[in-house]
N, C-alpha and C. Protein backbone atom coordinates (compact mmCIF):
# COMPACT_ATOMS: atom_id res chain seq x y z
N MET A 1 -68.99 -2.42 84.30
CA MET A 1 -69.18 -1.12 84.88
C MET A 1 -70.42 -1.19 85.78
N ARG A 2 -70.28 -0.72 86.96
CA ARG A 2 -71.40 -0.70 87.90
C ARG A 2 -72.18 0.60 87.70
N THR A 3 -73.50 0.46 87.68
CA THR A 3 -74.38 1.61 87.49
C THR A 3 -75.60 1.44 88.38
N THR A 4 -76.04 2.51 88.97
CA THR A 4 -77.26 2.48 89.77
C THR A 4 -78.40 3.00 88.90
N LEU A 5 -79.48 2.22 88.82
CA LEU A 5 -80.63 2.60 88.00
C LEU A 5 -81.88 2.65 88.85
N ASN A 6 -82.75 3.57 88.55
CA ASN A 6 -84.06 3.64 89.19
C ASN A 6 -85.10 3.21 88.15
N ILE A 7 -85.56 1.98 88.29
CA ILE A 7 -86.53 1.41 87.35
C ILE A 7 -87.75 0.96 88.14
N GLU A 8 -88.93 1.27 87.64
CA GLU A 8 -90.17 0.89 88.33
C GLU A 8 -90.23 -0.62 88.52
N ASP A 9 -90.65 -1.04 89.70
CA ASP A 9 -90.77 -2.47 90.00
C ASP A 9 -91.71 -3.17 89.03
N LYS A 10 -92.80 -2.49 88.65
CA LYS A 10 -93.77 -3.09 87.71
C LYS A 10 -93.10 -3.42 86.38
N LEU A 11 -92.23 -2.54 85.92
CA LEU A 11 -91.54 -2.74 84.64
C LEU A 11 -90.59 -3.93 84.72
N ILE A 12 -89.83 -4.01 85.80
CA ILE A 12 -88.92 -5.13 86.01
C ILE A 12 -89.71 -6.44 86.12
N ASP A 13 -90.78 -6.43 86.90
CA ASP A 13 -91.60 -7.63 87.08
C ASP A 13 -92.20 -8.12 85.77
N LYS A 14 -92.72 -7.19 84.97
CA LYS A 14 -93.34 -7.58 83.70
C LYS A 14 -92.29 -8.15 82.74
N ALA A 15 -91.14 -7.50 82.65
CA ALA A 15 -90.06 -7.98 81.78
C ALA A 15 -89.58 -9.35 82.25
N SER A 16 -89.49 -9.55 83.54
CA SER A 16 -89.04 -10.82 84.10
C SER A 16 -90.03 -11.94 83.78
N LYS A 17 -91.31 -11.64 83.91
CA LYS A 17 -92.35 -12.64 83.61
C LYS A 17 -92.36 -12.99 82.12
N LEU A 18 -92.19 -11.99 81.26
CA LEU A 18 -92.22 -12.23 79.82
C LEU A 18 -91.01 -13.02 79.33
N THR A 19 -89.86 -12.79 79.94
CA THR A 19 -88.63 -13.43 79.48
C THR A 19 -88.22 -14.65 80.29
N GLY A 20 -88.70 -14.72 81.52
CA GLY A 20 -88.27 -15.80 82.41
C GLY A 20 -86.93 -15.52 83.07
N ILE A 21 -86.39 -14.34 82.85
CA ILE A 21 -85.11 -13.95 83.43
C ILE A 21 -85.36 -13.32 84.80
N LYS A 22 -84.71 -13.85 85.81
CA LYS A 22 -84.91 -13.34 87.18
C LYS A 22 -83.82 -12.35 87.59
N GLU A 23 -82.61 -12.51 87.06
CA GLU A 23 -81.49 -11.65 87.43
C GLU A 23 -81.65 -10.28 86.75
N LYS A 24 -81.65 -9.23 87.54
CA LYS A 24 -81.89 -7.89 87.02
C LYS A 24 -80.81 -7.44 86.04
N THR A 25 -79.56 -7.79 86.32
CA THR A 25 -78.47 -7.40 85.42
C THR A 25 -78.67 -8.01 84.03
N SER A 26 -79.02 -9.28 83.99
CA SER A 26 -79.26 -9.95 82.70
C SER A 26 -80.47 -9.37 82.00
N LEU A 27 -81.48 -9.03 82.78
CA LEU A 27 -82.70 -8.45 82.22
C LEU A 27 -82.43 -7.09 81.57
N VAL A 28 -81.66 -6.25 82.25
CA VAL A 28 -81.32 -4.93 81.70
C VAL A 28 -80.42 -5.10 80.47
N ARG A 29 -79.45 -6.01 80.53
CA ARG A 29 -78.56 -6.24 79.39
C ARG A 29 -79.37 -6.69 78.16
N LEU A 30 -80.29 -7.65 78.36
CA LEU A 30 -81.12 -8.12 77.26
C LEU A 30 -81.97 -6.99 76.69
N GLY A 31 -82.52 -6.16 77.57
CA GLY A 31 -83.32 -5.03 77.12
C GLY A 31 -82.52 -4.04 76.29
N LEU A 32 -81.30 -3.75 76.73
CA LEU A 32 -80.44 -2.84 75.97
C LEU A 32 -80.05 -3.44 74.62
N GLU A 33 -79.75 -4.73 74.60
CA GLU A 33 -79.40 -5.39 73.34
C GLU A 33 -80.58 -5.37 72.37
N ALA A 34 -81.79 -5.59 72.89
CA ALA A 34 -82.99 -5.54 72.04
C ALA A 34 -83.22 -4.13 71.50
N LEU A 35 -83.01 -3.13 72.33
CA LEU A 35 -83.17 -1.73 71.91
C LEU A 35 -82.16 -1.38 70.82
N ILE A 36 -80.92 -1.78 71.01
CA ILE A 36 -79.87 -1.52 70.02
C ILE A 36 -80.21 -2.20 68.70
N SER A 37 -80.65 -3.44 68.76
CA SER A 37 -81.01 -4.18 67.55
C SER A 37 -82.16 -3.51 66.81
N ARG A 38 -83.20 -3.12 67.55
CA ARG A 38 -84.36 -2.49 66.94
C ARG A 38 -84.00 -1.16 66.28
N GLU A 39 -83.23 -0.34 66.98
CA GLU A 39 -82.86 0.96 66.44
C GLU A 39 -81.90 0.84 65.26
N SER A 40 -81.01 -0.13 65.30
CA SER A 40 -80.10 -0.36 64.17
C SER A 40 -80.89 -0.76 62.94
N SER A 41 -81.87 -1.64 63.12
CA SER A 41 -82.73 -2.07 62.00
C SER A 41 -83.55 -0.91 61.46
N ARG A 42 -84.06 -0.09 62.37
CA ARG A 42 -84.87 1.07 61.96
C ARG A 42 -84.04 2.05 61.13
N ARG A 43 -82.81 2.29 61.57
CA ARG A 43 -81.94 3.22 60.84
C ARG A 43 -81.56 2.67 59.47
N LEU A 44 -81.31 1.37 59.41
CA LEU A 44 -80.97 0.74 58.13
C LEU A 44 -82.15 0.83 57.17
N ALA A 45 -83.35 0.55 57.66
CA ALA A 45 -84.55 0.63 56.82
C ALA A 45 -84.80 2.06 56.37
N LYS A 46 -84.50 3.02 57.22
CA LYS A 46 -84.71 4.44 56.88
C LYS A 46 -83.82 4.87 55.71
N LEU A 47 -82.65 4.26 55.59
CA LEU A 47 -81.77 4.58 54.46
C LEU A 47 -82.43 4.21 53.14
N GLY A 48 -83.16 3.10 53.13
CA GLY A 48 -83.95 2.70 51.97
C GLY A 48 -83.20 2.66 50.66
N GLY A 49 -81.97 2.22 50.68
CA GLY A 49 -81.20 2.13 49.44
C GLY A 49 -80.80 3.48 48.88
N THR A 50 -80.55 4.44 49.72
CA THR A 50 -80.26 5.80 49.27
C THR A 50 -78.78 6.15 49.33
N GLU A 51 -77.91 5.17 49.25
CA GLU A 51 -76.47 5.45 49.31
C GLU A 51 -76.05 6.14 48.01
N LYS A 52 -75.80 7.44 48.09
CA LYS A 52 -75.50 8.26 46.90
C LYS A 52 -74.11 8.01 46.34
N ARG A 53 -73.19 7.54 47.16
CA ARG A 53 -71.80 7.40 46.72
C ARG A 53 -71.52 6.07 46.01
N LEU A 54 -72.49 5.17 45.94
CA LEU A 54 -72.26 3.89 45.28
C LEU A 54 -72.24 4.08 43.76
N ARG A 55 -71.33 3.40 43.11
CA ARG A 55 -71.29 3.47 41.65
C ARG A 55 -72.06 2.30 41.07
N VAL A 56 -72.57 2.47 39.87
CA VAL A 56 -73.31 1.42 39.19
C VAL A 56 -72.35 0.31 38.79
N ILE A 57 -72.70 -0.92 39.10
CA ILE A 57 -71.86 -2.06 38.75
C ILE A 57 -72.41 -2.66 37.46
N PRO A 58 -71.56 -2.80 36.42
CA PRO A 58 -72.04 -3.33 35.14
C PRO A 58 -72.45 -4.80 35.26
N ARG A 59 -73.46 -5.17 34.48
CA ARG A 59 -73.94 -6.55 34.44
C ARG A 59 -73.00 -7.40 33.62
N ARG A 60 -72.85 -8.66 33.98
CA ARG A 60 -71.99 -9.57 33.22
C ARG A 60 -72.69 -10.08 31.97
N ARG A 61 -74.00 -10.25 32.05
CA ARG A 61 -74.77 -10.75 30.91
C ARG A 61 -75.66 -9.63 30.38
N PRO A 62 -75.29 -9.04 29.28
CA PRO A 62 -76.10 -7.94 28.73
C PRO A 62 -77.49 -8.44 28.30
N GLY A 63 -78.49 -7.58 28.48
CA GLY A 63 -79.83 -7.90 28.04
C GLY A 63 -80.61 -8.78 29.00
N ASN A 64 -80.08 -9.06 30.15
CA ASN A 64 -80.75 -9.91 31.12
C ASN A 64 -81.38 -9.02 32.18
N SER A 65 -82.68 -8.74 32.06
CA SER A 65 -83.33 -7.84 33.00
C SER A 65 -84.16 -8.61 34.01
N LEU A 66 -84.56 -7.94 35.05
CA LEU A 66 -85.33 -8.57 36.11
C LEU A 66 -86.75 -8.92 35.70
N ASP A 67 -87.32 -8.19 34.73
CA ASP A 67 -88.71 -8.44 34.34
C ASP A 67 -88.84 -9.53 33.28
N GLY A 68 -87.75 -10.15 32.88
CA GLY A 68 -87.80 -11.24 31.92
C GLY A 68 -87.64 -10.82 30.48
N SER A 69 -87.69 -9.51 30.19
CA SER A 69 -87.49 -9.05 28.81
C SER A 69 -86.01 -8.99 28.50
N HIS A 70 -85.65 -9.15 27.25
CA HIS A 70 -84.23 -9.15 26.85
C HIS A 70 -83.91 -7.99 25.97
């Protein structure tokens, strides 16, 4: 898909110097992929193990706890 973007030259230049990528299309694609990855990780961390619909799975070995007590 072709898209016209207005991005400051300083921003493009800095990103190009940091990554070594000269092609603007590749630079924008990499930036979007990095943004998606960061936000996906942030959202996953925000959940913090709070899935309410999960059921407790029984242990196969009774009396085997994480702190070493039986």
